[in-house]
Each structure stands twice: as C-alpha cells, then as structure tokens.
C-alpha cells in the first residue's frame, strides 16, 4: 500500500486555538476532515493522548508529530494543525509548537506508518518548508505545499 495519498484534501486545520498540547491534539483530531474516515475517533484521540503522556512528541523547531493506532482505519492518515501563537509542548529545544501533525495508523499497516512518519520528519527538518506552511494562502495551497514536499521526499526514499 502506498502513502502517496497523505495530505490530500481535508488534512489542514489552519487556525488551532487551544492553549495546551492535549487540548490542541483533541482540537486537531476533531476538526481535521480527513479523520472523519476513522470509525471511532474518540478511541483514536485517547490513543494519541495516551502516547503523548508517555513522552512528548515535540521534535523541536516548532514541530510535533503525535500519533496513534486506530483499528478500522483503511489507511494511514495525517493531519496538520497550524498554531501561529505556539503551544507549550515539552519539546527538546523548549520552543512552542506551531506545526502540530497527527498520524492515524491501522495496526495492520506498520510499515506504511513508519514510512509516513520518517518521510514527514525528513520533510519538516527543512526550514524552508516550515516557513512555506505559514506563507499567506488558502487551506488548499497549504495542503499543496505539504503534499508536494511529502510526495517529493517519498519518491526520493523509494530510490
């Protein structure tokens, strides 16, 4: 199964407003249209929160990648929430998170999940992409920016 579908329409929430990481995670999961595919979003939300309580998924440079397994999902799904004001997230560099990603993965697709996670992490290491995600534009243009970067990184790793 391919992860090329990641960041299709419905993956970006441009205006997260929750003041802390757990509320922000819940807000992203509830507001991201892509997660409507998940049969039990409440269980997914709790899985992500439980994972986050074990150890912060803040990577540094204003990025966090939360994740959880969710039975019933047909494919790996990723959403991005933009928090322009920043969210305290216990990141290694102490910086607030402005780009909050959430990954939903079916338990039976562990390799696709790992590919999606590693591809996403390689993408957001680039300051130019992080800046581009905050450039003025519509939700569709933000989705295009992250989708193009993700697809390009996926193609390079397939070589």
C-alpha atoms as a PDB file:
ATOM      1  CA  UNK A   1       0.000   0.000   0.000  1.00  0.00           C
ATOM      2  CA  UNK A   2       1.251   3.473  -0.875  1.00  0.00           C
ATOM      3  CA  UNK A   3       1.439   6.539   1.351  1.00  0.00           C
ATOM      4  CA  UNK A   4       1.134   8.875  -1.659  1.00  0.00           C
ATOM      5  CA  UNK A   5      -2.426   9.775  -0.599  1.00  0.00           C
ATOM      6  CA  UNK A   6      -1.174  11.596   2.514  1.00  0.00           C
ATOM      7  CA  UNK A   7      -2.094  15.289   2.612  1.00  0.00           C
ATOM      8  CA  UNK A   8      -4.988  15.001   0.216  1.00  0.00           C
ATOM      9  CA  UNK A   9      -7.859  17.448   0.708  1.00  0.00           C
ATOM     10  CA  UNK A  10      -9.067  17.798   4.297  1.00  0.00           C
ATOM     11  CA  UNK A  11      -5.765  17.475   6.091  1.00  0.00           C
ATOM     12  CA  UNK A  12      -5.024  21.033   7.243  1.00  0.00           C
ATOM     13  CA  UNK A  13      -6.545  22.956  10.146  1.00  0.00           C
ATOM     14  CA  UNK A  14      -5.126  26.468   9.653  1.00  0.00           C
ATOM     15  CA  UNK A  15      -6.023  28.022  12.990  1.00  0.00           C
ATOM     16  CA  UNK A  16      -5.585  25.858  16.078  1.00  0.00           C
ATOM     17  CA  UNK A  17      -6.520  27.920  19.107  1.00  0.00           C
ATOM     18  CA  UNK A  18      -6.126  25.534  22.050  1.00  0.00           C
ATOM     19  CA  UNK A  19      -3.685  26.756  24.708  1.00  0.00           C
ATOM     20  CA  UNK A  20      -2.123  23.434  25.709  1.00  0.00           C
ATOM     21  CA  UNK A  21      -0.904  20.338  23.907  1.00  0.00           C
ATOM     22  CA  UNK A  22      -3.645  17.947  24.969  1.00  0.00           C
ATOM     23  CA  UNK A  23      -6.416  20.357  24.031  1.00  0.00           C
ATOM     24  CA  UNK A  24      -4.621  21.105  20.745  1.00  0.00           C
ATOM     25  CA  UNK A  25      -4.351  17.405  19.907  1.00  0.00           C
ATOM     26  CA  UNK A  26      -8.069  16.957  20.595  1.00  0.00           C
ATOM     27  CA  UNK A  27      -8.916  20.044  18.540  1.00  0.00           C
ATOM     28  CA  UNK A  28      -6.863  18.847  15.570  1.00  0.00           C
ATOM     29  CA  UNK A  29      -8.392  15.371  15.612  1.00  0.00           C
ATOM     30  CA  UNK A  30     -11.934  16.735  15.892  1.00  0.00           C
ATOM     31  CA  UNK A  31     -11.535  19.452  13.260  1.00  0.00           C
ATOM     32  CA  UNK A  32      -9.440  17.727  10.569  1.00  0.00           C
ATOM     33  CA  UNK A  33     -11.875  16.454   7.929  1.00  0.00           C
ATOM     34  CA  UNK A  34      -9.511  13.609   6.999  1.00  0.00           C
ATOM     35  CA  UNK A  35     -10.109  11.973  10.379  1.00  0.00           C
ATOM     36  CA  UNK A  36     -13.844  11.594   9.669  1.00  0.00           C
ATOM     37  CA  UNK A  37     -12.799   8.342   7.946  1.00  0.00           C
ATOM     38  CA  UNK A  38     -11.920   6.847  11.321  1.00  0.00           C
ATOM     39  CA  UNK A  39     -14.823   4.763  12.671  1.00  0.00           C
ATOM     40  CA  UNK A  40     -14.051   5.561  16.342  1.00  0.00           C
ATOM     41  CA  UNK A  41     -12.399   8.980  16.526  1.00  0.00           C
ATOM     42  CA  UNK A  42     -12.809   9.096  20.312  1.00  0.00           C
ATOM     43  CA  UNK A  43     -10.712   5.933  20.710  1.00  0.00           C
ATOM     44  CA  UNK A  44      -8.092   7.324  18.318  1.00  0.00           C
ATOM     45  CA  UNK A  45      -7.991  10.581  20.262  1.00  0.00           C
ATOM     46  CA  UNK A  46      -7.458   8.691  23.519  1.00  0.00           C
ATOM     47  CA  UNK A  47      -4.690   6.569  21.937  1.00  0.00           C
ATOM     48  CA  UNK A  48      -2.864   9.712  20.808  1.00  0.00           C
ATOM     49  CA  UNK A  49      -3.260  11.379  24.216  1.00  0.00           C
ATOM     50  CA  UNK A  50      -2.050   8.222  25.988  1.00  0.00           C
ATOM     51  CA  UNK A  51       1.021   8.105  23.725  1.00  0.00           C
ATOM     52  CA  UNK A  52       1.731  11.775  24.348  1.00  0.00           C
ATOM     53  CA  UNK A  53       1.541  11.251  28.117  1.00  0.00           C
ATOM     54  CA  UNK A  54       4.308   8.631  27.847  1.00  0.00           C
ATOM     55  CA  UNK A  55       6.724  11.002  26.135  1.00  0.00           C
ATOM     56  CA  UNK A  56       6.420  14.291  24.308  1.00  0.00           C
ATOM     57  CA  UNK A  57       6.307  14.022  20.535  1.00  0.00           C
ATOM     58  CA  UNK A  58       7.697  17.533  20.169  1.00  0.00           C
ATOM     59  CA  UNK A  59      10.667  17.315  17.813  1.00  0.00           C
ATOM     60  CA  UNK A  60      11.969  20.855  18.163  1.00  0.00           C
ATOM     61  CA  UNK A  61      11.960  23.785  15.730  1.00  0.00           C
ATOM     62  CA  UNK A  62       8.245  24.315  16.446  1.00  0.00           C
ATOM     63  CA  UNK A  63       7.160  20.840  15.250  1.00  0.00           C
ATOM     64  CA  UNK A  64       5.368  17.945  16.966  1.00  0.00           C
ATOM     65  CA  UNK A  65       4.206  14.690  15.393  1.00  0.00           C
ATOM     66  CA  UNK A  66       1.601  12.973  17.557  1.00  0.00           C
ATOM     67  CA  UNK A  67       0.418   9.547  16.551  1.00  0.00           C
ATOM     68  CA  UNK A  68      -1.776   6.626  17.458  1.00  0.00           C
ATOM     69  CA  UNK A  69      -3.020   3.324  16.142  1.00  0.00           C
ATOM     70  CA  UNK A  70      -6.647   3.038  15.229  1.00  0.00           C
ATOM     71  CA  UNK A  71      -8.388  -0.179  14.234  1.00  0.00           C
ATOM     72  CA  UNK A  72     -10.872   0.279  11.439  1.00  0.00           C
ATOM     73  CA  UNK A  73      -8.925   2.913   9.528  1.00  0.00           C
ATOM     74  CA  UNK A  74      -8.327   1.769   5.974  1.00  0.00           C
ATOM     75  CA  UNK A  75      -5.067   3.642   5.508  1.00  0.00           C
ATOM     76  CA  UNK A  76      -2.510   5.875   7.197  1.00  0.00           C
ATOM     77  CA  UNK A  77      -3.942   9.375   7.664  1.00  0.00           C
ATOM     78  CA  UNK A  78      -2.089  12.568   8.539  1.00  0.00           C
ATOM     79  CA  UNK A  79      -3.427  15.970   9.564  1.00  0.00           C
ATOM     80  CA  UNK A  80      -1.601  19.246  10.174  1.00  0.00           C
ATOM     81  CA  UNK A  81      -2.723  21.949  12.562  1.00  0.00           C
ATOM     82  CA  UNK A  82      -1.153  25.405  12.427  1.00  0.00           C
ATOM     83  CA  UNK A  83      -0.810  27.153  15.783  1.00  0.00           C
ATOM     84  CA  UNK A  84       0.606  30.553  14.940  1.00  0.00           C
ATOM     85  CA  UNK A  85       0.830  31.588  18.596  1.00  0.00           C
ATOM     86  CA  UNK A  86       2.600  28.388  19.587  1.00  0.00           C
ATOM     87  CA  UNK A  87       1.687  25.678  22.076  1.00  0.00           C
ATOM     88  CA  UNK A  88       3.908  24.643  25.003  1.00  0.00           C
ATOM     89  CA  UNK A  89       4.789  21.037  24.171  1.00  0.00           C
ATOM     90  CA  UNK A  90       7.781  19.931  26.258  1.00  0.00           C
ATOM     91  CA  UNK A  91       9.923  19.837  23.111  1.00  0.00           C
ATOM     92  CA  UNK A  92      13.649  19.139  23.485  1.00  0.00           C
ATOM     93  CA  UNK A  93      14.546  22.700  22.495  1.00  0.00           C
ATOM     94  CA  UNK A  94      11.882  24.222  24.770  1.00  0.00           C
ATOM     95  CA  UNK A  95      10.290  26.059  21.849  1.00  0.00           C
ATOM     96  CA  UNK A  96       6.497  26.132  21.469  1.00  0.00           C
ATOM     97  CA  UNK A  97       4.946  24.032  18.710  1.00  0.00           C
ATOM     98  CA  UNK A  98       3.452  25.831  15.737  1.00  0.00           C
ATOM     99  CA  UNK A  99       3.157  22.840  13.378  1.00  0.00           C
ATOM    100  CA  UNK A 100       1.206  20.022  15.025  1.00  0.00           C
ATOM    101  CA  UNK A 101       0.877  16.846  12.982  1.00  0.00           C
ATOM    102  CA  UNK A 102      -1.281  13.866  13.935  1.00  0.00           C
ATOM    103  CA  UNK A 103      -0.886  10.456  12.313  1.00  0.00           C
ATOM    104  CA  UNK A 104      -3.554   7.760  12.480  1.00  0.00           C
ATOM    105  CA  UNK A 105      -2.401   4.299  11.521  1.00  0.00           C
ATOM    106  CA  UNK A 106      -4.181   0.969  11.257  1.00  0.00           C
ATOM    107  CA  UNK A 107      -2.376  -1.648  13.383  1.00  0.00           C
ATOM    108  CA  UNK A 108      -2.082  -3.938  10.369  1.00  0.00           C
ATOM    109  CA  UNK A 109      -0.051  -1.378   8.363  1.00  0.00           C
ATOM    110  CA  UNK A 110       3.077  -0.847  10.497  1.00  0.00           C
ATOM    111  CA  UNK A 111       5.467  -0.426   7.555  1.00  0.00           C
ATOM    112  CA  UNK A 112       3.290   2.238   5.916  1.00  0.00           C
ATOM    113  CA  UNK A 113       3.059   4.050   9.245  1.00  0.00           C
ATOM    114  CA  UNK A 114       6.846   4.003   9.682  1.00  0.00           C
ATOM    115  CA  UNK A 115       7.370   5.219   6.110  1.00  0.00           C
ATOM    116  CA  UNK A 116       4.873   8.052   6.619  1.00  0.00           C
ATOM    117  CA  UNK A 117       6.438   9.071   9.932  1.00  0.00           C
ATOM    118  CA  UNK A 118      10.013   9.024   8.644  1.00  0.00           C
ATOM    119  CA  UNK A 119       9.064  10.871   5.459  1.00  0.00           C
ATOM    120  CA  UNK A 120       7.224  13.533   7.415  1.00  0.00           C
ATOM    121  CA  UNK A 121      10.110  14.031   9.847  1.00  0.00           C
ATOM    122  CA  UNK A 122      12.564  14.414   6.958  1.00  0.00           C
ATOM    123  CA  UNK A 123      10.258  16.979   5.327  1.00  0.00           C
ATOM    124  CA  UNK A 124       9.858  19.209   8.369  1.00  0.00           C
ATOM    125  CA  UNK A 125      13.585  19.318   9.049  1.00  0.00           C
ATOM    126  CA  UNK A 126      13.773  21.913   6.285  1.00  0.00           C
ATOM    127  CA  UNK A 127      13.234  25.470   7.498  1.00  0.00           C
ATOM    128  CA  UNK A 128      12.083  26.477   4.009  1.00  0.00           C
ATOM    129  CA  UNK A 129       9.102  24.109   4.223  1.00  0.00           C
ATOM    130  CA  UNK A 130       8.231  25.182   7.760  1.00  0.00           C
ATOM    131  CA  UNK A 131       8.240  28.799   6.576  1.00  0.00           C
ATOM    132  CA  UNK A 132       6.216  27.936   3.453  1.00  0.00           C
ATOM    133  CA  UNK A 133       3.472  26.380   5.543  1.00  0.00           C
ATOM    134  CA  UNK A 134       2.920  29.744   7.220  1.00  0.00           C
ATOM    135  CA  UNK A 135       3.030  31.761   3.989  1.00  0.00           C
ATOM    136  CA  UNK A 136      -0.219  33.520   3.126  1.00  0.00           C
ATOM    137  CA  UNK A 137      -2.690  31.436   1.196  1.00  0.00           C
ATOM    138  CA  UNK A 138      -5.725  29.231   1.360  1.00  0.00           C
ATOM    139  CA  UNK A 139      -6.024  25.893   3.116  1.00  0.00           C
ATOM    140  CA  UNK A 140      -5.806  24.275  -0.326  1.00  0.00           C
ATOM    141  CA  UNK A 141      -2.487  25.998  -1.016  1.00  0.00           C
ATOM    142  CA  UNK A 142      -1.079  24.873   2.353  1.00  0.00           C
ATOM    143  CA  UNK A 143      -2.174  21.306   1.565  1.00  0.00           C
ATOM    144  CA  UNK A 144      -0.481  21.564  -1.817  1.00  0.00           C
ATOM    145  CA  UNK A 145       2.781  22.743  -0.233  1.00  0.00           C
ATOM    146  CA  UNK A 146       2.953  19.927   2.302  1.00  0.00           C
ATOM    147  CA  UNK A 147       1.664  17.312  -0.160  1.00  0.00           C
ATOM    148  CA  UNK A 148       4.290  18.266  -2.758  1.00  0.00           C
ATOM    149  CA  UNK A 149       7.098  18.179  -0.190  1.00  0.00           C
ATOM    150  CA  UNK A 150       5.870  14.865   1.217  1.00  0.00           C
ATOM    151  CA  UNK A 151       5.463  13.294  -2.232  1.00  0.00           C
ATOM    152  CA  UNK A 152       8.911  14.512  -3.308  1.00  0.00           C
ATOM    153  CA  UNK A 153      10.516  13.083  -0.182  1.00  0.00           C
ATOM    154  CA  UNK A 154       8.614   9.810  -0.661  1.00  0.00           C
ATOM    155  CA  UNK A 155       9.882   9.490  -4.224  1.00  0.00           C
ATOM    156  CA  UNK A 156      13.469  10.138  -3.149  1.00  0.00           C
ATOM    157  CA  UNK A 157      13.312   7.496  -0.429  1.00  0.00           C
ATOM    158  CA  UNK A 158      11.915   4.929  -2.878  1.00  0.00           C
ATOM    159  CA  UNK A 159      15.092   5.100  -4.966  1.00  0.00           C
END
